[in-house]
Amino acid sequence: MNTAFRRLSLRSRLGLAAAVSVALAVTAVAIASWLVTRQQLTGQLDSNLRNVEASPRYVQELLSLCGRELPDAGQRTETPTPYVVQVVTSDGTVCAAPGSPKLAVDDTDIAVARGVLRSVMHDAGTQDGRKVRVWTTRPDSHPGTPGQYAVSIAQSLSTVDDPLNHLALFLLGIAGVGVIGAATAGLGISRAGLRPVQDLTDAAEHIAHTQDLTVRIPVDGEDEIARLSKSFNDMTEALASSQELQQQLIADAGHELRTPLTSLRANIQLLIRSHTSGRKIPEDAMNDLLRSVESQVGELAVLTADLQELSRPDTKPGRASLPVLALHEVASRALERVRHRGSEIEFTSELDEWYVLSDPAALERAVVNLLDNAVKFSPPGAVVSLQLHDGRLTVRDQGPGIPADELPHVFDRFWRSQTARSLPGSGLGLAIVAKAVQQAGGTVTLRPAPAQGTEAVICIPGTRTPPPSTRPEDAGVAAGTDTTCPPVPSS
């Protein structure tokens, strides 16, 4: 049954559920109405029977008939209508009027006749098969009526059963109409209510078949369906943006790989021709050729590593899941790594304590990339400074600087300024910096230095004091007073 129900469409299941719910509710109301009506009618009948009294003379006539031959038709004692009256003696003898149907006597009636019970009300049957309601009572002593006896007064239950039968048929009809109406309304409402879901299904199937992520669902209202439609649109928009970025990354990577691969292939072909022809390349030219091959292989290795770093999915700053880092220690390690690459550059550093939540490798690589850029664009003998004050990490060089019109593009993937195209690099370094800082919940900006060169500023929320433990939930960076990242002052 459950399996068959699950095979139905959602629309059919909702309609069936509505029909079943209404059927149960209508059935419960119908049964309750029938029982209440039955109780009221039976109570009214009982009240009527209690108010009926047989006259002492009539009771004497009935008692006189017990054990006697039936009188002829002209002498028959008439029974008051619409009631049936009979007398029950203590030995169970029934005294009834001639022509009047006798009532079935049970032990309670005899108990009333013997004085054990004062009165009793019950259902009984007659000799002709009718059902009656019987009120048996032991009246006060009547003169001339010796012995123990009880008087039973009965009325047909048809006054109760006939209205109840009509009521049952009426309620059954109402229930049937209600169930059919509920099923029809349920199907109609479910069809209207599930129309947006059907639109979502059609859109999802269309995207699955065509890979077209430009499909959007109209959003109308602010209910759950509208929220679902909006979430679907946001999802497809995010997927389209991700697909566009992926395609752009592949195109840019192919463009950047083309130059070193072309140069590398030309050098290798030159080596192959020299080997196959037996014509040796001069030693100086051979050394230059090998150094060029080594440089191009290194450039490809760096580019591959940068692409792997950027190919990781972007995640929002999940600060609670990141470890606590001492940013001043990370910056110091990065400075030592870069110091060996810039032997002709003077480095200065002033690092105050600052603790943040971030990925250690990603954050250190971001600082290294900024320092590498500073070294790359600084002339021999220049000074590269690294400062960390009030949660703001600043890398400043004395290079030519970046034109104002190029500053908005410095963090784009594969973007390189005109002055840097002749220098080694893939154009991915600053993009990696931006990604690492954003994942740590911070910001990074580049701007002209106050005097000369370029100034890069990283700002990550944190705290000046070391946390009591390495757990993020106990660290000040997670719930401290120093977590606000100070604004970058204008130059």
Protein backbone atom coordinates (compact mmCIF):
# COMPACT_ATOMS: atom_id res chain seq x y z
CA MET A 1 0.00 0.00 0.00
CA ASN A 2 2.78 2.39 0.95
CA THR A 3 4.68 1.51 -2.24
CA ALA A 4 1.62 2.10 -4.40
CA PHE A 5 1.03 5.44 -2.68
CA ARG A 6 4.60 6.53 -3.33
CA ARG A 7 4.24 5.68 -7.01
CA LEU A 8 1.53 8.33 -7.35
CA SER A 9 2.47 11.83 -8.41
CA LEU A 10 2.82 14.46 -5.70
CA ARG A 11 -0.30 16.18 -7.03
CA SER A 12 -2.32 12.95 -6.74
CA ARG A 13 -0.94 12.24 -3.28
CA LEU A 14 -1.96 15.69 -2.06
CA GLY A 15 -5.45 15.30 -3.51
CA LEU A 16 -5.81 11.83 -2.00
CA ALA A 17 -4.52 13.06 1.36
CA ALA A 18 -7.04 15.92 1.31
CA ALA A 19 -9.86 13.51 0.45
CA VAL A 20 -8.90 11.09 3.21
CA SER A 21 -8.54 13.89 5.75
CA VAL A 22 -11.94 15.33 4.89
CA ALA A 23 -13.48 11.84 4.87
CA LEU A 24 -12.17 11.16 8.36
CA ALA A 25 -13.32 14.54 9.62
CA VAL A 26 -16.78 14.26 8.04
CA THR A 27 -17.16 10.68 9.31
CA ALA A 28 -16.24 11.73 12.84
CA VAL A 29 -18.69 14.65 12.73
CA ALA A 30 -21.44 12.47 11.23
CA ILE A 31 -21.03 9.76 13.85
CA ALA A 32 -20.96 12.32 16.64
CA SER A 33 -24.09 14.03 15.24
CA TRP A 34 -25.91 10.71 14.92
CA LEU A 35 -25.04 9.66 18.47
CA VAL A 36 -26.03 13.02 19.94
CA THR A 37 -29.32 12.98 18.03
CA ARG A 38 -29.99 9.40 19.16
CA GLN A 39 -29.30 10.35 22.74
CA GLN A 40 -31.60 13.35 22.51
CA LEU A 41 -34.45 11.40 20.88
CA THR A 42 -34.11 8.50 23.31
CA GLY A 43 -34.07 10.91 26.24
CA GLN A 44 -37.19 12.61 24.95
CA LEU A 45 -38.89 9.22 24.57
CA ASP A 46 -37.88 8.21 28.08
CA SER A 47 -39.21 11.50 29.43
CA ASN A 48 -42.51 10.95 27.67
CA LEU A 49 -42.83 7.41 29.07
CA ARG A 50 -42.11 8.61 32.63
CA ASN A 51 -44.90 11.15 32.32
CA VAL A 52 -47.47 8.52 31.28
CA GLU A 53 -49.52 7.02 34.12
CA ALA A 54 -51.97 4.17 33.83
CA SER A 55 -55.22 4.79 35.74
CA PRO A 56 -55.93 2.52 38.72
CA ARG A 57 -59.10 1.31 37.06
CA TYR A 58 -57.27 0.29 33.94
CA VAL A 59 -54.66 -1.53 36.01
CA GLN A 60 -57.47 -3.37 37.86
CA GLU A 61 -58.97 -4.41 34.56
CA LEU A 62 -55.64 -5.79 33.39
CA LEU A 63 -55.13 -7.66 36.63
CA SER A 64 -58.61 -9.08 36.34
CA LEU A 65 -57.73 -10.51 32.95
CA CYS A 66 -54.86 -12.63 34.30
CA GLY A 67 -55.89 -16.27 34.26
CA ARG A 68 -59.26 -15.57 32.72
CA GLU A 69 -60.67 -16.43 29.34
CA LEU A 70 -60.50 -13.64 26.86
CA PRO A 71 -63.74 -11.64 26.69
CA ASP A 72 -65.54 -11.31 23.45
CA ALA A 73 -64.76 -8.50 21.09
CA GLY A 74 -67.38 -6.24 22.58
CA GLN A 75 -65.88 -6.48 26.03
CA ARG A 76 -62.18 -5.92 25.12
CA THR A 77 -60.31 -3.44 27.23
CA GLU A 78 -58.82 -0.72 25.03
CA THR A 79 -55.15 0.18 25.33
CA PRO A 80 -54.33 3.89 25.49
CA THR A 81 -52.53 4.84 22.31
CA PRO A 82 -49.75 5.31 21.23
CA TYR A 83 -48.62 3.37 24.27
CA VAL A 84 -48.77 -0.30 25.18
CA VAL A 85 -49.60 -1.02 28.82
CA GLN A 86 -49.33 -4.30 30.62
CA VAL A 87 -49.05 -5.49 34.20
CA VAL A 88 -46.33 -7.84 35.34
CA THR A 89 -46.89 -9.77 38.58
CA SER A 90 -44.19 -10.92 40.95
CA ASP A 91 -44.27 -14.44 39.50
CA GLY A 92 -43.71 -13.17 35.98
CA THR A 93 -47.30 -13.35 34.78
CA VAL A 94 -48.14 -10.82 32.11
CA CYS A 95 -51.56 -9.19 32.18
CA ALA A 96 -52.29 -7.45 28.92
CA ALA A 97 -55.41 -6.18 27.21
CA PRO A 98 -56.95 -8.46 24.60
CA GLY A 99 -55.62 -7.64 21.14
CA SER A 100 -52.71 -5.71 22.60
CA PRO A 101 -49.25 -7.08 21.80
CA LYS A 102 -47.51 -8.53 24.81
CA LEU A 103 -44.12 -7.15 25.78
CA ALA A 104 -41.19 -9.38 26.50
CA VAL A 105 -40.51 -9.46 30.21
CA ASP A 106 -37.01 -9.68 31.63
CA ASP A 107 -35.66 -10.09 35.14
CA THR A 108 -35.58 -6.36 35.81
CA ASP A 109 -39.33 -6.11 35.27
CA ILE A 110 -39.94 -8.93 37.74
CA ALA A 111 -37.52 -7.32 40.19
CA VAL A 112 -39.61 -4.15 40.06
CA ALA A 113 -42.80 -6.20 40.63
CA ARG A 114 -41.22 -7.81 43.71
CA GLY A 115 -40.13 -4.46 45.09
CA VAL A 116 -36.39 -5.04 44.57
CA LEU A 117 -36.20 -2.13 42.11
CA ARG A 118 -38.30 0.99 42.08
CA SER A 119 -38.36 1.35 38.29
CA VAL A 120 -36.44 0.37 35.17
CA MET A 121 -36.17 1.64 31.60
CA HIS A 122 -35.08 -0.73 28.82
CA ASP A 123 -35.61 -1.83 25.26
CA ALA A 124 -37.77 -4.81 24.52
CA GLY A 125 -39.62 -6.57 21.74
CA THR A 126 -43.25 -7.43 21.15
CA GLN A 127 -44.84 -10.62 19.95
CA ASP A 128 -45.26 -9.14 16.46
CA GLY A 129 -41.55 -8.29 16.22
CA ARG A 130 -41.63 -4.59 16.89
CA LYS A 131 -39.01 -2.88 19.04
CA VAL A 132 -40.29 -0.77 21.88
CA ARG A 133 -38.96 1.29 24.75
CA VAL A 134 -40.36 0.03 28.08
CA TRP A 135 -40.79 1.93 31.32
CA THR A 136 -41.59 -0.43 34.20
CA THR A 137 -42.47 1.01 37.57
CA ARG A 138 -44.14 -0.12 40.77
CA PRO A 139 -46.93 2.39 41.35
CA ASP A 140 -48.34 3.33 44.68
CA SER A 141 -50.87 0.91 46.08
CA HIS A 142 -54.14 1.12 44.31
CA PRO A 143 -57.27 0.20 46.24
CA GLY A 144 -58.62 -3.11 45.17
CA THR A 145 -55.35 -4.33 43.65
CA PRO A 146 -53.84 -6.76 46.13
CA GLY A 147 -50.47 -8.47 45.65
CA GLN A 148 -47.15 -7.43 44.15
CA TYR A 149 -47.11 -6.20 40.58
CA ALA A 150 -45.51 -3.66 38.26
CA VAL A 151 -46.87 -1.65 35.38
CA SER A 152 -44.97 -1.61 32.07
CA ILE A 153 -45.66 1.22 29.66
CA ALA A 154 -44.06 0.97 26.22
CA GLN A 155 -43.84 3.03 23.06
CA SER A 156 -42.52 1.97 19.67
CA LEU A 157 -38.86 2.84 18.97
CA SER A 158 -39.86 3.82 15.46
CA THR A 159 -40.20 7.38 16.76
CA VAL A 160 -36.44 7.23 17.36
CA ASP A 161 -35.22 4.83 14.68
CA ASP A 162 -37.03 6.43 11.73
CA PRO A 163 -35.52 9.92 12.24
CA LEU A 164 -32.13 8.35 12.91
CA ASN A 165 -32.30 6.34 9.70
CA HIS A 166 -33.19 9.44 7.70
CA LEU A 167 -30.43 11.37 9.45
CA ALA A 168 -27.91 8.59 8.67
CA LEU A 169 -28.82 8.70 4.97
CA PHE A 170 -28.56 12.49 4.96
CA LEU A 171 -25.18 12.47 6.69
CA LEU A 172 -23.93 9.75 4.34
CA GLY A 173 -24.87 11.89 1.35
CA ILE A 174 -23.25 14.95 2.85
CA ALA A 175 -20.09 12.93 3.60
CA GLY A 176 -19.93 11.61 0.05
CA VAL A 177 -20.36 15.08 -1.44
CA GLY A 178 -17.75 16.45 0.99
CA VAL A 179 -15.19 13.77 0.14
CA ILE A 180 -15.68 14.20 -3.61
CA GLY A 181 -15.53 17.98 -3.25
CA ALA A 182 -12.41 17.74 -1.06
CA ALA A 183 -10.68 15.45 -3.57
CA THR A 184 -11.54 17.79 -6.43
CA ALA A 185 -10.50 20.87 -4.51
CA GLY A 186 -7.33 19.12 -3.32
CA LEU A 187 -6.33 18.28 -6.87
CA GLY A 188 -7.08 21.80 -8.03
CA ILE A 189 -5.23 23.45 -5.14
CA SER A 190 -2.28 21.09 -5.44
CA ARG A 191 -2.09 21.76 -9.17
CA ALA A 192 -2.07 25.53 -8.59
CA GLY A 193 0.25 25.32 -5.61
CA LEU A 194 2.70 22.98 -7.29
CA ARG A 195 2.87 24.92 -10.54
CA PRO A 196 6.05 26.75 -9.41
CA VAL A 197 7.53 23.38 -8.44
CA GLN A 198 6.65 22.10 -11.90
CA ASP A 199 8.38 25.16 -13.37
CA LEU A 200 11.45 24.36 -11.27
CA THR A 201 11.37 20.76 -12.46
CA ASP A 202 11.07 21.83 -16.10
CA ALA A 203 13.92 24.31 -15.67
CA ALA A 204 16.14 21.71 -13.99
CA GLU A 205 15.42 19.17 -16.75
CA HIS A 206 16.10 21.83 -19.39
CA ILE A 207 19.44 22.66 -17.78
CA ALA A 208 20.31 18.97 -17.49
CA HIS A 209 19.68 18.41 -21.19
CA THR A 210 20.98 21.67 -22.66
CA GLN A 211 23.55 22.86 -20.08
CA ASP A 212 21.91 26.28 -20.43
CA LEU A 213 22.47 28.10 -17.14
CA THR A 214 20.72 31.29 -18.26
CA VAL A 215 17.28 29.87 -17.38
CA ARG A 216 15.52 31.80 -14.60
CA ILE A 217 12.28 31.11 -12.74
CA PRO A 218 9.86 34.07 -12.24
CA VAL A 219 9.64 34.93 -8.53
CA ASP A 220 6.23 36.07 -7.33
CA GLY A 221 5.53 36.71 -3.63
CA GLU A 222 7.52 35.91 -0.52
CA ASP A 223 6.26 32.44 0.42
CA GLU A 224 8.27 29.23 0.55
CA ILE A 225 7.81 28.56 -3.16
CA ALA A 226 9.04 32.05 -3.99
CA ARG A 227 12.06 31.52 -1.75
CA LEU A 228 12.72 28.19 -3.44
CA SER A 229 12.51 29.85 -6.86
CA LYS A 230 14.86 32.62 -5.76
CA SER A 231 17.30 30.07 -4.34
CA PHE A 232 17.17 28.15 -7.62
CA ASN A 233 17.87 31.34 -9.58
CA ASP A 234 20.76 32.19 -7.26
CA MET A 235 22.13 28.68 -7.69
CA THR A 236 21.97 28.79 -11.48
CA GLU A 237 23.50 32.27 -11.46
CA ALA A 238 26.33 31.04 -9.24
CA LEU A 239 26.83 28.01 -11.48
CA ALA A 240 26.85 30.21 -14.58
CA SER A 241 29.38 32.55 -12.94
CA SER A 242 31.51 29.59 -11.89
CA GLN A 243 31.32 28.13 -15.39
CA GLU A 244 32.26 31.48 -16.91
CA LEU A 245 35.19 31.84 -14.53
CA GLN A 246 36.29 28.30 -15.29
CA GLN A 247 36.15 28.90 -19.02
CA GLN A 248 37.97 32.18 -18.60
CA LEU A 249 40.62 30.49 -16.46
CA ILE A 250 41.12 27.78 -19.07
CA ALA A 251 41.36 30.35 -21.86
CA ASP A 252 43.76 32.54 -19.91
CA ALA A 253 45.83 29.53 -18.86
CA GLY A 254 46.05 28.38 -22.46
CA HIS A 255 47.15 31.84 -23.51
CA GLU A 256 49.80 32.07 -20.80
CA LEU A 257 51.06 28.54 -21.45
CA ARG A 258 51.41 29.15 -25.17
CA THR A 259 54.42 31.48 -24.88
CA PRO A 260 56.71 29.36 -22.65
CA LEU A 261 55.68 26.18 -24.44
CA THR A 262 56.44 27.72 -27.83
CA SER A 263 59.82 28.94 -26.66
CA LEU A 264 60.57 25.63 -24.96
CA ARG A 265 59.63 23.66 -28.07
CA ALA A 266 61.82 25.89 -30.25
CA ASN A 267 64.81 25.35 -27.93
CA ILE A 268 64.25 21.59 -27.81
CA GLN A 269 63.90 21.40 -31.59
CA LEU A 270 67.18 23.27 -31.87
CA LEU A 271 68.83 20.73 -29.57
CA ILE A 272 67.34 17.87 -31.60
CA ARG A 273 68.59 19.27 -34.91
CA SER A 274 72.04 19.79 -33.42
CA HIS A 275 72.10 16.20 -32.21
CA THR A 276 70.78 14.63 -35.42
CA SER A 277 72.92 16.72 -37.74
CA GLY A 278 76.09 16.32 -35.72
CA ARG A 279 76.67 20.07 -35.71
CA LYS A 280 77.57 21.11 -32.20
CA ILE A 281 76.25 24.33 -30.75
CA PRO A 282 78.95 26.66 -29.39
CA GLU A 283 79.48 26.28 -25.67
CA ASP A 284 78.30 29.78 -24.80
CA ALA A 285 75.18 29.41 -26.93
CA MET A 286 74.56 25.96 -25.42
CA ASN A 287 74.77 27.37 -21.90
CA ASP A 288 72.35 30.16 -22.80
CA LEU A 289 70.03 27.62 -24.39
CA LEU A 290 70.05 25.33 -21.34
CA ARG A 291 69.48 28.23 -18.97
CA SER A 292 66.55 29.32 -21.14
CA VAL A 293 65.08 25.81 -21.04
CA GLU A 294 65.55 25.68 -17.27
CA SER A 295 63.90 29.09 -16.87
CA GLN A 296 60.96 28.10 -19.05
CA VAL A 297 60.46 24.82 -17.18
CA GLY A 298 60.53 26.72 -13.90
CA GLU A 299 58.03 29.21 -15.25
CA LEU A 300 55.75 26.36 -16.27
CA ALA A 301 56.10 24.80 -12.81
CA VAL A 302 55.18 28.08 -11.11
CA LEU A 303 52.26 28.61 -13.46
CA THR A 304 51.00 25.07 -12.81
CA ALA A 305 51.22 25.58 -9.04
CA ASP A 306 49.37 28.88 -9.30
CA LEU A 307 46.65 27.29 -11.42
CA GLN A 308 46.24 24.49 -8.90
CA GLU A 309 45.87 27.05 -6.12
CA LEU A 310 43.26 29.04 -8.01
CA SER A 311 41.37 25.95 -9.16
CA ARG A 312 40.36 25.17 -5.60
CA PRO A 313 36.72 26.10 -4.99
CA ASP A 314 36.17 29.50 -3.43
CA THR A 315 34.74 29.24 0.07
CA LYS A 316 33.22 31.85 2.27
CA PRO A 317 35.14 32.76 5.40
CA GLY A 318 34.40 29.86 7.72
CA ARG A 319 36.28 31.48 10.55
CA ALA A 320 35.13 29.08 13.24
CA SER A 321 36.84 26.17 11.44
CA LEU A 322 40.18 27.95 10.87
CA PRO A 323 43.17 27.69 13.23
CA VAL A 324 44.50 30.60 15.24
CA LEU A 325 47.64 32.10 13.71
CA ALA A 326 50.11 34.69 14.87
CA LEU A 327 50.15 36.99 11.85
CA HIS A 328 53.43 38.62 12.95
CA GLU A 329 55.14 35.20 12.95
CA VAL A 330 53.71 34.33 9.52
CA ALA A 331 54.97 37.66 8.14
CA SER A 332 58.42 37.11 9.68
CA ARG A 333 58.74 33.66 8.05
CA ALA A 334 57.64 35.05 4.69
CA LEU A 335 60.20 37.84 4.95
CA GLU A 336 63.01 35.34 5.60
CA ARG A 337 61.98 33.33 2.54
CA VAL A 338 62.01 36.37 0.26
CA ARG A 339 65.15 37.91 1.74
CA HIS A 340 67.34 35.33 -0.04
CA ARG A 341 65.78 36.18 -3.41
CA GLY A 342 66.45 39.89 -3.17
CA SER A 343 70.13 40.07 -2.29
CA GLU A 344 70.35 43.61 -3.67
CA ILE A 345 67.30 44.85 -1.77
CA GLU A 346 67.29 46.21 1.77
CA PHE A 347 64.46 44.88 3.97
CA THR A 348 63.03 46.53 7.07
CA SER A 349 60.29 45.22 9.33
CA GLU A 350 58.21 46.38 12.29
CA LEU A 351 55.79 43.69 13.39
CA ASP A 352 53.39 44.07 16.29
CA GLU A 353 51.55 41.06 17.67
CA TRP A 354 48.28 40.22 15.92
CA TYR A 355 46.36 36.93 16.06
CA VAL A 356 43.93 35.89 13.34
CA LEU A 357 41.97 32.89 12.07
CA SER A 358 43.33 31.73 8.73
CA ASP A 359 44.86 28.88 6.75
CA PRO A 360 48.62 28.93 7.56
CA ALA A 361 49.97 27.97 4.13
CA ALA A 362 47.58 30.23 2.20
CA LEU A 363 48.25 33.26 4.39
CA GLU A 364 52.04 32.84 4.28
CA ARG A 365 51.95 32.44 0.51
CA ALA A 366 49.91 35.65 0.23
CA VAL A 367 52.54 37.60 2.18
CA VAL A 368 55.34 35.97 0.15
CA ASN A 369 53.64 36.98 -3.12
CA LEU A 370 53.36 40.59 -2.00
CA LEU A 371 57.01 40.65 -0.97
CA ASP A 372 58.05 38.98 -4.26
CA ASN A 373 56.21 41.69 -6.20
CA ALA A 374 57.92 44.37 -4.15
CA VAL A 375 61.33 42.81 -4.88
CA LYS A 376 60.53 42.35 -8.57
CA PHE A 377 59.64 45.99 -9.15
CA SER A 378 62.24 47.58 -6.83
CA PRO A 379 65.56 48.78 -8.29
CA PRO A 380 68.84 47.54 -6.74
CA GLY A 381 69.56 49.25 -3.43
CA ALA A 382 65.88 50.07 -2.82
CA VAL A 383 64.16 49.46 0.50
CA VAL A 384 61.21 47.09 0.94
CA SER A 385 59.44 47.59 4.26
CA LEU A 386 57.09 45.21 6.06
CA GLN A 387 54.97 46.64 8.88
CA LEU A 388 52.20 45.24 11.07
CA HIS A 389 50.40 47.78 13.24
CA ASP A 390 46.84 47.63 14.63
CA GLY A 391 46.00 44.59 12.52
CA ARG A 392 47.13 46.19 9.28
CA LEU A 393 49.97 44.45 7.39
CA THR A 394 51.69 46.83 4.94
CA VAL A 395 54.23 45.94 2.26
CA ARG A 396 55.85 49.01 0.68
CA ASP A 397 58.36 49.16 -2.18
CA GLN A 398 60.24 51.92 -4.02
CA GLY A 399 59.45 50.77 -7.54
CA PRO A 400 57.88 52.72 -10.40
CA GLY A 401 54.39 52.32 -8.95
CA ILE A 402 51.12 51.32 -10.63
CA PRO A 403 49.16 53.77 -12.79
CA ALA A 404 45.80 54.77 -11.32
CA ASP A 405 43.86 53.33 -14.28
CA GLU A 406 45.45 49.91 -13.72
CA LEU A 407 44.74 49.62 -9.98
CA PRO A 408 41.18 48.20 -10.42
CA HIS A 409 42.62 45.25 -12.41
CA VAL A 410 45.61 44.24 -10.29
CA PHE A 411 43.77 41.34 -8.59
CA ASP A 412 42.34 39.91 -11.84
CA ARG A 413 43.66 36.52 -12.91
CA PHE A 414 46.42 36.65 -15.54
CA TRP A 415 46.32 40.43 -15.63
CA ARG A 416 49.74 42.07 -16.04
CA SER A 417 50.55 45.71 -16.51
CA GLN A 418 52.43 46.91 -19.56
CA THR A 419 55.59 47.50 -17.52
CA ALA A 420 55.53 43.94 -16.10
CA ARG A 421 55.03 41.94 -19.28
CA SER A 422 58.76 41.65 -19.82
CA LEU A 423 59.33 40.39 -16.26
CA PRO A 424 58.90 36.77 -15.16
CA GLY A 425 55.54 35.82 -13.68
CA SER A 426 52.13 34.46 -14.58
CA GLY A 427 49.86 37.28 -13.45
CA LEU A 428 48.29 35.04 -10.81
CA GLY A 429 50.21 36.14 -7.71
CA LEU A 430 47.89 38.95 -6.62
CA ALA A 431 44.81 36.87 -7.46
CA ILE A 432 46.10 34.23 -5.05
CA VAL A 433 46.69 36.94 -2.43
CA ALA A 434 43.11 38.21 -2.78
CA LYS A 435 41.66 34.71 -2.49
CA ALA A 436 43.67 33.82 0.65
CA VAL A 437 42.81 37.09 2.41
CA GLN A 438 39.11 36.85 1.53
CA GLN A 439 38.94 33.31 2.90
CA ALA A 440 40.36 34.65 6.16
CA GLY A 441 37.62 37.28 6.29
CA GLY A 442 39.92 40.21 5.47
CA THR A 443 40.61 42.70 2.71
CA VAL A 444 43.62 43.58 0.59
CA THR A 445 44.26 46.82 -1.31
CA LEU A 446 47.00 48.26 -3.50
CA ARG A 447 47.65 51.98 -3.78
CA PRO A 448 50.47 54.39 -4.53
CA ALA A 449 52.97 54.79 -1.69
CA PRO A 450 53.16 58.24 -0.02
CA ALA A 451 56.57 59.00 -1.53
CA GLN A 452 57.38 56.53 -4.30
CA GLY A 453 56.41 53.02 -5.25
CA THR A 454 53.40 50.90 -4.30
CA GLU A 455 51.86 50.05 -0.96
CA ALA A 456 49.93 46.79 -0.40
CA VAL A 457 47.75 46.61 2.73
CA ILE A 458 46.29 43.39 4.16
CA CYS A 459 43.70 43.75 6.91
CA ILE A 460 42.35 40.65 8.70
CA PRO A 461 40.14 40.89 11.83
CA GLY A 462 41.92 39.63 14.93
CA THR A 463 43.17 40.51 18.39
CA ARG A 464 46.33 41.99 19.87
CA THR A 465 46.56 39.53 22.76
CA PRO A 466 47.35 35.83 22.36
CA PRO A 467 44.32 33.53 22.83
CA PRO A 468 44.16 31.38 25.98
CA SER A 469 44.10 28.25 23.84
CA THR A 470 44.39 27.20 20.24
CA ARG A 471 40.67 26.56 19.96
CA PRO A 472 38.92 29.20 17.84
CA GLU A 473 35.93 29.37 20.18
CA ASP A 474 38.24 30.40 23.05
CA ALA A 475 40.30 32.88 21.07
CA GLY A 476 39.82 36.60 21.12
CA VAL A 477 39.74 36.58 17.35
CA ALA A 478 36.45 34.71 17.57
CA ALA A 479 34.82 36.87 20.22
CA GLY A 480 37.10 39.69 21.29
CA THR A 481 37.02 43.46 21.43
CA ASP A 482 39.85 43.91 18.87
CA THR A 483 38.24 41.99 16.01
CA THR A 484 37.28 45.02 13.91
CA CYS A 485 39.67 45.58 11.04
CA PRO A 486 40.84 49.21 11.11
CA PRO A 487 40.17 51.25 7.96
CA VAL A 488 43.06 52.00 5.63
CA PRO A 489 43.95 55.69 5.91
CA SER A 490 44.16 57.68 2.72
CA SER A 491 47.61 58.55 1.47
